[in-house]
C-alpha atoms as a PDB file:
ATOM      1  CA  MET A   1       0.000   0.000   0.000  1.00  0.00           C
ATOM      2  CA  LYS A   2       2.855   2.349   0.862  1.00  0.00           C
ATOM      3  CA  THR A   3       4.404   1.592  -2.505  1.00  0.00           C
ATOM      4  CA  VAL A   4       1.242   2.643  -4.348  1.00  0.00           C
ATOM      5  CA  ILE A   5       1.073   5.907  -2.383  1.00  0.00           C
ATOM      6  CA  ALA A   6       4.761   6.586  -3.046  1.00  0.00           C
ATOM      7  CA  ILE A   7       4.322   5.947  -6.784  1.00  0.00           C
ATOM      8  CA  ALA A   8       1.227   8.195  -6.885  1.00  0.00           C
ATOM      9  CA  ALA A   9       3.086  10.964  -5.026  1.00  0.00           C
ATOM     10  CA  ALA A  10       6.081  10.644  -7.346  1.00  0.00           C
ATOM     11  CA  ALA A  11       3.813  10.803 -10.393  1.00  0.00           C
ATOM     12  CA  ALA A  12       2.009  13.865  -9.017  1.00  0.00           C
ATOM     13  CA  LEU A  13       5.264  15.669  -8.276  1.00  0.00           C
ATOM     14  CA  ALA A  14       6.859  14.711 -11.602  1.00  0.00           C
ATOM     15  CA  GLY A  15       4.837  17.385 -13.399  1.00  0.00           C
ATOM     16  CA  CYS A  16       6.261  20.108 -11.153  1.00  0.00           C
ATOM     17  CA  GLY A  17       9.740  19.663 -12.623  1.00  0.00           C
ATOM     18  CA  THR A  18       8.861  21.284 -15.935  1.00  0.00           C
ATOM     19  CA  VAL A  19       8.126  24.972 -16.354  1.00  0.00           C
ATOM     20  CA  ARG A  20       5.121  25.732 -18.501  1.00  0.00           C
ATOM     21  CA  THR A  21       5.525  28.686 -20.874  1.00  0.00           C
ATOM     22  CA  VAL A  22       2.387  30.738 -21.437  1.00  0.00           C
ATOM     23  CA  GLN A  23       2.150  33.341 -24.197  1.00  0.00           C
ATOM     24  CA  VAL A  24       0.026  36.352 -23.292  1.00  0.00           C
ATOM     25  CA  LYS A  25      -1.054  38.757 -26.027  1.00  0.00           C
ATOM     26  CA  VAL A  26      -1.500  42.297 -24.759  1.00  0.00           C
ATOM     27  CA  PRO A  27      -2.776  45.058 -27.073  1.00  0.00           C
ATOM     28  CA  VAL A  28      -0.346  47.948 -27.436  1.00  0.00           C
ATOM     29  CA  GLN A  29      -1.376  51.361 -28.721  1.00  0.00           C
ATOM     30  CA  VAL A  30       0.411  52.306 -31.936  1.00  0.00           C
ATOM     31  CA  GLU A  31       0.261  55.655 -33.683  1.00  0.00           C
ATOM     32  CA  CYS A  32      -1.832  55.511 -36.859  1.00  0.00           C
ATOM     33  CA  ARG A  33       0.254  56.712 -39.802  1.00  0.00           C
ATOM     34  CA  VAL A  34      -2.264  56.093 -42.584  1.00  0.00           C
ATOM     35  CA  GLN A  35      -3.234  59.041 -44.754  1.00  0.00           C
ATOM     36  CA  THR A  36      -6.899  59.788 -45.263  1.00  0.00           C
ATOM     37  CA  PRO A  37      -7.871  58.750 -48.798  1.00  0.00           C
ATOM     38  CA  ALA A  38      -8.977  61.436 -51.217  1.00  0.00           C
ATOM     39  CA  ARG A  39     -12.691  61.854 -51.753  1.00  0.00           C
ATOM     40  CA  PRO A  40     -13.731  60.024 -54.941  1.00  0.00           C
ATOM     41  CA  ALA A  41     -15.323  61.927 -57.804  1.00  0.00           C
ATOM     42  CA  MET A  42     -19.039  61.196 -57.861  1.00  0.00           C
ATOM     43  CA  PRO A  43     -20.977  61.070 -61.161  1.00  0.00           C
ATOM     44  CA  LEU A  44     -23.465  63.729 -60.049  1.00  0.00           C
ATOM     45  CA  GLU A  45     -20.732  66.333 -59.494  1.00  0.00           C
ATOM     46  CA  ALA A  46     -19.779  66.288 -63.194  1.00  0.00           C
ATOM     47  CA  LEU A  47     -23.277  67.283 -64.311  1.00  0.00           C
ATOM     48  CA  GLY A  48     -24.234  70.860 -64.948  1.00  0.00           C
ATOM     49  CA  LEU A  49     -27.684  72.419 -64.788  1.00  0.00           C
ATOM     50  CA  ALA A  50     -28.382  71.800 -68.490  1.00  0.00           C
ATOM     51  CA  TYR A  51     -29.264  68.086 -68.084  1.00  0.00           C
ATOM     52  CA  ASP A  52     -32.810  66.756 -68.000  1.00  0.00           C
ATOM     53  CA  VAL A  53     -34.428  65.006 -65.031  1.00  0.00           C
ATOM     54  CA  ASP A  54     -33.921  61.494 -66.425  1.00  0.00           C
ATOM     55  CA  THR A  55     -30.162  61.954 -66.751  1.00  0.00           C
ATOM     56  CA  TRP A  56     -29.995  63.497 -63.292  1.00  0.00           C
ATOM     57  CA  VAL A  57     -31.931  60.584 -61.719  1.00  0.00           C
ATOM     58  CA  ALA A  58     -29.686  58.053 -63.484  1.00  0.00           C
ATOM     59  CA  GLN A  59     -26.626  59.813 -62.080  1.00  0.00           C
ATOM     60  CA  VAL A  60     -28.129  59.899 -58.576  1.00  0.00           C
ATOM     61  CA  ILE A  61     -28.785  56.154 -58.757  1.00  0.00           C
ATOM     62  CA  ALA A  62     -25.174  55.620 -59.875  1.00  0.00           C
ATOM     63  CA  LYS A  63     -23.978  57.764 -56.965  1.00  0.00           C
ATOM     64  CA  VAL A  64     -25.983  55.712 -54.460  1.00  0.00           C
ATOM     65  CA  ALA A  65     -24.611  52.497 -55.967  1.00  0.00           C
ATOM     66  CA  LEU A  66     -21.050  53.814 -55.607  1.00  0.00           C
ATOM     67  CA  ARG A  67     -21.575  54.822 -51.988  1.00  0.00           C
ATOM     68  CA  GLU A  68     -23.102  51.452 -51.060  1.00  0.00           C
ATOM     69  CA  ALA A  69     -20.288  49.473 -52.713  1.00  0.00           C
END
C-alpha cells in the first residue's frame, strides 16, 4: 500500500519539474500613420444644370450604388 502511495506521489510531483511557458497577447497602442484617402469623384458632381431630369436621376442612382459598394 505504501508503494502505491509513493508511486502516486512521485507521479504527481513529476509534473512540477517542468516549467510551462504561457504566451500572453497584450494590445499595445500604436500611432496611426495612414493618410486619409482622397474623396472620390461622384458622377453627379460632373453634371451641370443643363441636363434633364432622367439623366440626373440616373446619375443619382449611380452615386448611391457607388456609396453602397
